[in-house]
Amino acid sequence: MVKVSVDKNKCIGCGECVKICKNFKMVNNKSVPVDKNPKEIGCNEKAAKNCPTKAIKVSK
């Protein structure tokens, strides 16, 4: 199982994750995972790697 989370204190609302992965959306200028336990790690991991503040955590 994959677990996705976003640290609201680190998130600057740049929207890079939303551009990269459909599992993220912006709520009140902060990133939020649509599905916190997605079946696929793919784009979630890519979004985490491209997050400028490293606010996204993806674990297996």
PDB file of N, CA and C in Angstrom:
ATOM      1  N   MET A   1       0.840  -1.195   0.000  1.00  0.00           N
ATOM      2  CA  MET A   1       0.000   0.000   0.000  1.00  0.00           C
ATOM      3  C   MET A   1       0.877   1.247   0.000  1.00  0.00           C
ATOM      4  N   VAL A   2       0.455   2.236  -0.735  1.00  0.00           N
ATOM      5  CA  VAL A   2       1.158   3.515  -0.838  1.00  0.00           C
ATOM      6  C   VAL A   2       0.462   4.529   0.071  1.00  0.00           C
ATOM      7  N   LYS A   3       1.274   5.376   0.723  1.00  0.00           N
ATOM      8  CA  LYS A   3       0.721   6.434   1.570  1.00  0.00           C
ATOM      9  C   LYS A   3       1.289   7.770   1.095  1.00  0.00           C
ATOM     10  N   VAL A   4       0.407   8.752   0.861  1.00  0.00           N
ATOM     11  CA  VAL A   4       0.804  10.073   0.389  1.00  0.00           C
ATOM     12  C   VAL A   4       0.337  11.120   1.392  1.00  0.00           C
ATOM     13  N   SER A   5       1.249  12.041   1.744  1.00  0.00           N
ATOM     14  CA  SER A   5       0.875  13.126   2.653  1.00  0.00           C
ATOM     15  C   SER A   5       1.588  14.410   2.245  1.00  0.00           C
ATOM     16  N   VAL A   6       1.015  15.536   2.663  1.00  0.00           N
ATOM     17  CA  VAL A   6       1.593  16.851   2.380  1.00  0.00           C
ATOM     18  C   VAL A   6       1.714  17.603   3.698  1.00  0.00           C
ATOM     19  N   ASP A   7       2.913  18.090   3.984  1.00  0.00           N
ATOM     20  CA  ASP A   7       3.155  18.896   5.179  1.00  0.00           C
ATOM     21  C   ASP A   7       2.693  20.322   4.878  1.00  0.00           C
ATOM     22  N   LYS A   8       1.591  20.721   5.456  1.00  0.00           N
ATOM     23  CA  LYS A   8       0.994  22.045   5.199  1.00  0.00           C
ATOM     24  C   LYS A   8       1.929  23.192   5.587  1.00  0.00           C
ATOM     25  N   ASN A   9       2.786  22.958   6.571  1.00  0.00           N
ATOM     26  CA  ASN A   9       3.716  24.002   7.000  1.00  0.00           C
ATOM     27  C   ASN A   9       4.830  24.233   5.983  1.00  0.00           C
ATOM     28  N   LYS A  10       5.169  23.203   5.223  1.00  0.00           N
ATOM     29  CA  LYS A  10       6.225  23.322   4.215  1.00  0.00           C
ATOM     30  C   LYS A  10       5.680  23.729   2.848  1.00  0.00           C
ATOM     31  N   CYS A  11       4.432  23.401   2.567  1.00  0.00           N
ATOM     32  CA  CYS A  11       3.840  23.666   1.257  1.00  0.00           C
ATOM     33  C   CYS A  11       3.713  25.175   1.023  1.00  0.00           C
ATOM     34  N   ILE A  12       4.237  25.627  -0.135  1.00  0.00           N
ATOM     35  CA  ILE A  12       4.165  27.051  -0.474  1.00  0.00           C
ATOM     36  C   ILE A  12       3.096  27.336  -1.528  1.00  0.00           C
ATOM     37  N   GLY A  13       2.374  26.288  -1.950  1.00  0.00           N
ATOM     38  CA  GLY A  13       1.279  26.464  -2.900  1.00  0.00           C
ATOM     39  C   GLY A  13       1.717  26.762  -4.317  1.00  0.00           C
ATOM     40  N   CYS A  14       2.875  26.271  -4.718  1.00  0.00           N
ATOM     41  CA  CYS A  14       3.384  26.562  -6.066  1.00  0.00           C
ATOM     42  C   CYS A  14       2.610  25.818  -7.155  1.00  0.00           C
ATOM     43  N   GLY A  15       1.987  24.695  -6.821  1.00  0.00           N
ATOM     44  CA  GLY A  15       1.177  23.957  -7.777  1.00  0.00           C
ATOM     45  C   GLY A  15       1.932  22.997  -8.677  1.00  0.00           C
ATOM     46  N   GLU A  16       3.226  22.823  -8.452  1.00  0.00           N
ATOM     47  CA  GLU A  16       4.014  21.899  -9.281  1.00  0.00           C
ATOM     48  C   GLU A  16       3.447  20.486  -9.220  1.00  0.00           C
ATOM     49  N   CYS A  17       3.050  20.034  -8.060  1.00  0.00           N
ATOM     50  CA  CYS A  17       2.527  18.677  -7.904  1.00  0.00           C
ATOM     51  C   CYS A  17       1.242  18.482  -8.706  1.00  0.00           C
ATOM     52  N   VAL A  18       0.417  19.519  -8.759  1.00  0.00           N
ATOM     53  CA  VAL A  18      -0.846  19.457  -9.510  1.00  0.00           C
ATOM     54  C   VAL A  18      -0.565  19.317 -11.007  1.00  0.00           C
ATOM     55  N   LYS A  19       0.466  19.999 -11.481  1.00  0.00           N
ATOM     56  CA  LYS A  19       0.855  19.919 -12.887  1.00  0.00           C
ATOM     57  C   LYS A  19       1.374  18.528 -13.240  1.00  0.00           C
ATOM     58  N   ILE A  20       2.035  17.881 -12.286  1.00  0.00           N
ATOM     59  CA  ILE A  20       2.686  16.593 -12.517  1.00  0.00           C
ATOM     60  C   ILE A  20       1.754  15.403 -12.306  1.00  0.00           C
ATOM     61  N   CYS A  21       0.870  15.495 -11.304  1.00  0.00           N
ATOM     62  CA  CYS A  21       0.075  14.330 -10.899  1.00  0.00           C
ATOM     63  C   CYS A  21      -1.376  14.708 -10.599  1.00  0.00           C
ATOM     64  N   LYS A  22      -2.293  13.971 -11.188  1.00  0.00           N
ATOM     65  CA  LYS A  22      -3.723  14.231 -10.983  1.00  0.00           C
ATOM     66  C   LYS A  22      -4.204  13.863  -9.583  1.00  0.00           C
ATOM     67  N   ASN A  23      -3.337  13.264  -8.774  1.00  0.00           N
ATOM     68  CA  ASN A  23      -3.727  12.910  -7.408  1.00  0.00           C
ATOM     69  C   ASN A  23      -3.604  14.097  -6.448  1.00  0.00           C
ATOM     70  N   PHE A  24      -3.201  15.263  -6.950  1.00  0.00           N
ATOM     71  CA  PHE A  24      -3.086  16.442  -6.091  1.00  0.00           C
ATOM     72  C   PHE A  24      -4.012  17.543  -6.575  1.00  0.00           C
ATOM     73  N   LYS A  25      -4.547  18.289  -5.627  1.00  0.00           N
ATOM     74  CA  LYS A  25      -5.365  19.455  -5.939  1.00  0.00           C
ATOM     75  C   LYS A  25      -4.999  20.557  -4.961  1.00  0.00           C
ATOM     76  N   MET A  26      -5.346  21.781  -5.317  1.00  0.00           N
ATOM     77  CA  MET A  26      -5.060  22.918  -4.449  1.00  0.00           C
ATOM     78  C   MET A  26      -6.309  23.267  -3.647  1.00  0.00           C
ATOM     79  N   VAL A  27      -6.155  23.393  -2.342  1.00  0.00           N
ATOM     80  CA  VAL A  27      -7.231  23.794  -1.438  1.00  0.00           C
ATOM     81  C   VAL A  27      -6.665  24.887  -0.533  1.00  0.00           C
ATOM     82  N   ASN A  28      -7.258  26.065  -0.588  1.00  0.00           N
ATOM     83  CA  ASN A  28      -6.781  27.208   0.198  1.00  0.00           C
ATOM     84  C   ASN A  28      -5.290  27.467  -0.023  1.00  0.00           C
ATOM     85  N   ASN A  29      -4.869  27.400  -1.299  1.00  0.00           N
ATOM     86  CA  ASN A  29      -3.480  27.644  -1.700  1.00  0.00           C
ATOM     87  C   ASN A  29      -2.476  26.657  -1.115  1.00  0.00           C
ATOM     88  N   LYS A  30      -2.932  25.463  -0.792  1.00  0.00           N
ATOM     89  CA  LYS A  30      -2.057  24.395  -0.311  1.00  0.00           C
ATOM     90  C   LYS A  30      -2.393  23.121  -1.073  1.00  0.00           C
ATOM     91  N   SER A  31      -1.389  22.291  -1.271  1.00  0.00           N
ATOM     92  CA  SER A  31      -1.580  21.018  -1.956  1.00  0.00           C
ATOM     93  C   SER A  31      -2.245  20.003  -1.031  1.00  0.00           C
ATOM     94  N   VAL A  32      -3.149  19.217  -1.613  1.00  0.00           N
ATOM     95  CA  VAL A  32      -3.847  18.172  -0.873  1.00  0.00           C
ATOM     96  C   VAL A  32      -3.920  16.932  -1.762  1.00  0.00           C
ATOM     97  N   PRO A  33      -3.564  15.757  -1.232  1.00  0.00           N
ATOM     98  CA  PRO A  33      -3.727  14.551  -2.052  1.00  0.00           C
ATOM     99  C   PRO A  33      -5.207  14.189  -2.164  1.00  0.00           C
ATOM    100  N   VAL A  34      -5.646  13.869  -3.367  1.00  0.00           N
ATOM    101  CA  VAL A  34      -7.032  13.463  -3.588  1.00  0.00           C
ATOM    102  C   VAL A  34      -7.253  12.099  -2.938  1.00  0.00           C
ATOM    103  N   ASP A  35      -6.283  11.199  -3.130  1.00  0.00           N
ATOM    104  CA  ASP A  35      -6.334   9.858  -2.544  1.00  0.00           C
ATOM    105  C   ASP A  35      -5.082   9.665  -1.705  1.00  0.00           C
ATOM    106  N   LYS A  36      -5.228   9.538  -0.396  1.00  0.00           N
ATOM    107  CA  LYS A  36      -4.080   9.397   0.502  1.00  0.00           C
ATOM    108  C   LYS A  36      -3.468   7.997   0.438  1.00  0.00           C
ATOM    109  N   ASN A  37      -4.189   7.050  -0.129  1.00  0.00           N
ATOM    110  CA  ASN A  37      -3.693   5.684  -0.268  1.00  0.00           C
ATOM    111  C   ASN A  37      -3.916   5.176  -1.698  1.00  0.00           C
ATOM    112  N   PRO A  38      -3.240   5.809  -2.672  1.00  0.00           N
ATOM    113  CA  PRO A  38      -3.424   5.380  -4.063  1.00  0.00           C
ATOM    114  C   PRO A  38      -2.821   4.000  -4.316  1.00  0.00           C
ATOM    115  N   LYS A  39      -3.316   3.339  -5.347  1.00  0.00           N
ATOM    116  CA  LYS A  39      -2.799   2.017  -5.698  1.00  0.00           C
ATOM    117  C   LYS A  39      -1.458   2.117  -6.414  1.00  0.00           C
ATOM    118  N   GLU A  40      -1.234   3.217  -7.130  1.00  0.00           N
ATOM    119  CA  GLU A  40      -0.003   3.411  -7.898  1.00  0.00           C
ATOM    120  C   GLU A  40       0.869   4.483  -7.256  1.00  0.00           C
ATOM    121  N   ILE A  41       2.176   4.238  -7.230  1.00  0.00           N
ATOM    122  CA  ILE A  41       3.105   5.214  -6.658  1.00  0.00           C
ATOM    123  C   ILE A  41       3.547   6.235  -7.699  1.00  0.00           C
ATOM    124  N   GLY A  42       3.677   5.811  -8.963  1.00  0.00           N
ATOM    125  CA  GLY A  42       4.103   6.588 -10.126  1.00  0.00           C
ATOM    126  C   GLY A  42       4.204   8.084 -10.009  1.00  0.00           C
ATOM    127  N   CYS A  43       3.157   8.795 -10.411  1.00  0.00           N
ATOM    128  CA  CYS A  43       3.220  10.252 -10.471  1.00  0.00           C
ATOM    129  C   CYS A  43       3.302  10.877  -9.072  1.00  0.00           C
ATOM    130  N   ASN A  44       2.829  10.179  -8.053  1.00  0.00           N
ATOM    131  CA  ASN A  44       2.929  10.695  -6.685  1.00  0.00           C
ATOM    132  C   ASN A  44       4.390  10.862  -6.290  1.00  0.00           C
ATOM    133  N   GLU A  45       5.196   9.869  -6.630  1.00  0.00           N
ATOM    134  CA  GLU A  45       6.626   9.917  -6.329  1.00  0.00           C
ATOM    135  C   GLU A  45       7.318  11.017  -7.133  1.00  0.00           C
ATOM    136  N   LYS A  46       6.912  11.159  -8.388  1.00  0.00           N
ATOM    137  CA  LYS A  46       7.475  12.209  -9.244  1.00  0.00           C
ATOM    138  C   LYS A  46       7.132  13.590  -8.684  1.00  0.00           C
ATOM    139  N   ALA A  47       5.900  13.761  -8.216  1.00  0.00           N
ATOM    140  CA  ALA A  47       5.482  15.034  -7.621  1.00  0.00           C
ATOM    141  C   ALA A  47       6.308  15.334  -6.374  1.00  0.00           C
ATOM    142  N   ALA A  48       6.543  14.320  -5.550  1.00  0.00           N
ATOM    143  CA  ALA A  48       7.338  14.496  -4.330  1.00  0.00           C
ATOM    144  C   ALA A  48       8.766  14.918  -4.667  1.00  0.00           C
ATOM    145  N   LYS A  49       9.345  14.306  -5.693  1.00  0.00           N
ATOM    146  CA  LYS A  49      10.721  14.628  -6.086  1.00  0.00           C
ATOM    147  C   LYS A  49      10.835  16.039  -6.649  1.00  0.00           C
ATOM    148  N   ASN A  50       9.755  16.543  -7.255  1.00  0.00           N
ATOM    149  CA  ASN A  50       9.782  17.863  -7.865  1.00  0.00           C
ATOM    150  C   ASN A  50       9.273  18.974  -6.952  1.00  0.00           C
ATOM    151  N   CYS A  51       8.835  18.630  -5.767  1.00  0.00           N
ATOM    152  CA  CYS A  51       8.351  19.634  -4.821  1.00  0.00           C
ATOM    153  C   CYS A  51       9.543  20.462  -4.318  1.00  0.00           C
ATOM    154  N   PRO A  52       9.530  21.783  -4.545  1.00  0.00           N
ATOM    155  CA  PRO A  52      10.684  22.611  -4.160  1.00  0.00           C
ATOM    156  C   PRO A  52      10.942  22.661  -2.658  1.00  0.00           C
ATOM    157  N   THR A  53       9.929  22.431  -1.844  1.00  0.00           N
ATOM    158  CA  THR A  53      10.119  22.494  -0.391  1.00  0.00           C
ATOM    159  C   THR A  53      10.095  21.109   0.268  1.00  0.00           C
ATOM    160  N   LYS A  54       9.998  20.069  -0.565  1.00  0.00           N
ATOM    161  CA  LYS A  54       9.964  18.684  -0.073  1.00  0.00           C
ATOM    162  C   LYS A  54       8.824  18.473   0.925  1.00  0.00           C
ATOM    163  N   ALA A  55       7.679  19.080   0.634  1.00  0.00           N
ATOM    164  CA  ALA A  55       6.502  18.975   1.505  1.00  0.00           C
ATOM    165  C   ALA A  55       5.734  17.667   1.317  1.00  0.00           C
ATOM    166  N   ILE A  56       5.957  16.996   0.191  1.00  0.00           N
ATOM    167  CA  ILE A  56       5.213  15.767  -0.116  1.00  0.00           C
ATOM    168  C   ILE A  56       6.020  14.542   0.310  1.00  0.00           C
ATOM    169  N   LYS A  57       5.361  13.656   1.028  1.00  0.00           N
ATOM    170  CA  LYS A  57       5.968  12.401   1.461  1.00  0.00           C
ATOM    171  C   LYS A  57       5.180  11.244   0.855  1.00  0.00           C
ATOM    172  N   VAL A  58       5.912  10.316   0.234  1.00  0.00           N
ATOM    173  CA  VAL A  58       5.318   9.125  -0.352  1.00  0.00           C
ATOM    174  C   VAL A  58       6.052   7.927   0.211  1.00  0.00           C
ATOM    175  N   SER A  59       5.310   6.984   0.753  1.00  0.00           N
ATOM    176  CA  SER A  59       5.931   5.784   1.303  1.00  0.00           C
ATOM    177  C   SER A  59       5.159   4.553   0.869  1.00  0.00           C
ATOM    178  N   LYS A  60       5.858   3.422   0.877  1.00  0.00           N
ATOM    179  CA  LYS A  60       5.248   2.141   0.497  1.00  0.00           C
ATOM    180  C   LYS A  60       4.921   1.343   1.721  1.00  0.00           C
TER     181      LYS A  60
END
